[in-house]
Amino acid sequence: MNNNQSQALANAPVGRLLLKLAAPAIAAQIVNLLYNMVDRIFIGHIEGVGKLALTGVGVCFPLIMIISAFAALVGMGSAPRASIFMGKGDKDSAEKILGNSFTLLIAVSLVLTVIFLLFAKPILLTFGASENTIQYALEYMNIYSLGTIFVQLTLGMNAFISAQGFAKISMLTVLIGAVLNIVLDPVFIFGLNMGVKGAALATIISQCVSMLWILKFLTGPKTELKIRRKNLVPDPKVFLPCMALGLSPFIMQATESLISVCFNSSLLKYGGDIAVGSMTILTSVMTFSILPLQGLCQGSQPIISYNFGAKNAGRVKKAFRLTLVCCLVYSFTMWALVMLFPHSFVKLFNNDPALVEFAGNALRIYMAVNCVFGAQIACQQTFIALGNAKCSLFLALLRKIILLIPLIYILPMFIADKTTAVFLAEPAADLLAVSCTVLLFTREFKKSMAKLNQ
């Protein structure tokens, strides 16, 4: 980062700085959500087959989350460490992290592409596709998997732009791709009559353009951290600590796939295709409620990481407290809107009366305690910003693996309405996870600040 940005991270008023960095990051997260939501909105309105096509594409969502999760494993684990090294004044180590991450993202992309092309059908059937929806799921996934490398490099490398404090450039990366996707979707889906295939093609073309924008910036004159040939050879001493820190966001995203399998298989058993289709809508709304929180934390990450590396405990505390308050305000507002107008959210995706009624009622149950989820995100993401891999990893495992998945199968054993019981697993797990997270963070944060003060 240039000297002005370094001075800003070290000395600018925390509130103003957080607004400057978080606003573009939040906008980027919301716009990024449009990649999938716009696809689903257009697909859901394909005449005659919209409901089945929407369900089929929804089954692809777990695989898309796996692709994003590997980008997070590399990018979201590496970028905070690069910020910490920048705070220490060690630019060479930060650039080594960037170069190693670039190589790893390409390698992971190639492996994932081959796996999805060879085994898409059995994987999709496992993830909840039925005989009625597998056709649409395959049409979407076979094309989307070809663009895996674009998705990986876009998500993984954009984290390094944000980590240097270039929040507006990071936002433009996402905005360029999303706007292009919105323009191409109706052209390919309806204009060229490509249906689900057109939605997938529009998405990967858009991601490719975003990737080219990022690579141009990270090799250009404005960035302080540059992709250099000498740093492209993977060094375990460089990338292993980054991947350890990236395990938490990786698990948070990758387990969405496992959770989708558990939800979809249980809902298909108890409620049929309409329940699985509702889950597609529920996860979209939940994602919309979470991504701005992640954008806010992404904006605070350079402030927290840089000042943690510079041993400025006061600014770290101020940045976290402000982040926590903002997260809680947003999560409560989003929760209130969902509780008051659930059917309005559902109608964004499909107007079928039966689906609107079923999914609207399920949405209230599914997001019943979303009002306190801001604390979960703020604490967990701050652990990552501080380089605390162990605690962030534990919290990622706690909510989804330890709590949510068992509850999906346990609650139907005790509640007569089996479908409702499955949806209830989400708020039950969230409430327990938030309580544990706040207690653990309070203890560990005090220890970290005490070490900096010493």
Foldseek 3Di string as FASTA:
>chain_A
DDPVLLCCLVPNDLVVLLCLLLVLLLLLLLLLLLLPLVLLLVQLPDPPCNLLLSLLQLLCQLVVLLLLLVLLLLQVLLLLVLLLCVLLVNNVLSLLSLQQSLLSLQVVLVVSLVCCLVCVQVLSVLLQRDPSRSVSNCLQSNLLSVLSSLSSLLSRLLLNCSLSVVSNLSSVLSVQLSVQLNVQQCCQVPVVVNRSNSSNNSNSVSSNVSNVSSLCVQCDDPDPRHNDPVSNPHDCVSRVLSSLLSLLSSLLRNCVSVVSSLLNVLCCVQPNSLLSSLVSLLVSLVSSLCSSLVSSLSSLLSSLSSCLSNLPLVSNVVSLVVSLVVLLVSQQVSLVCLLVCVLVSVVSRHDDVVSSVVSSVLNCLLCVPSNNCSLVSSLLSSCSSNSNSPLNNVLSCQLRPVQQSVQLVPQLVPDVNNSSSNSNSNVVSSVVSSVVSVVVSVVVSVVSSVVSVD
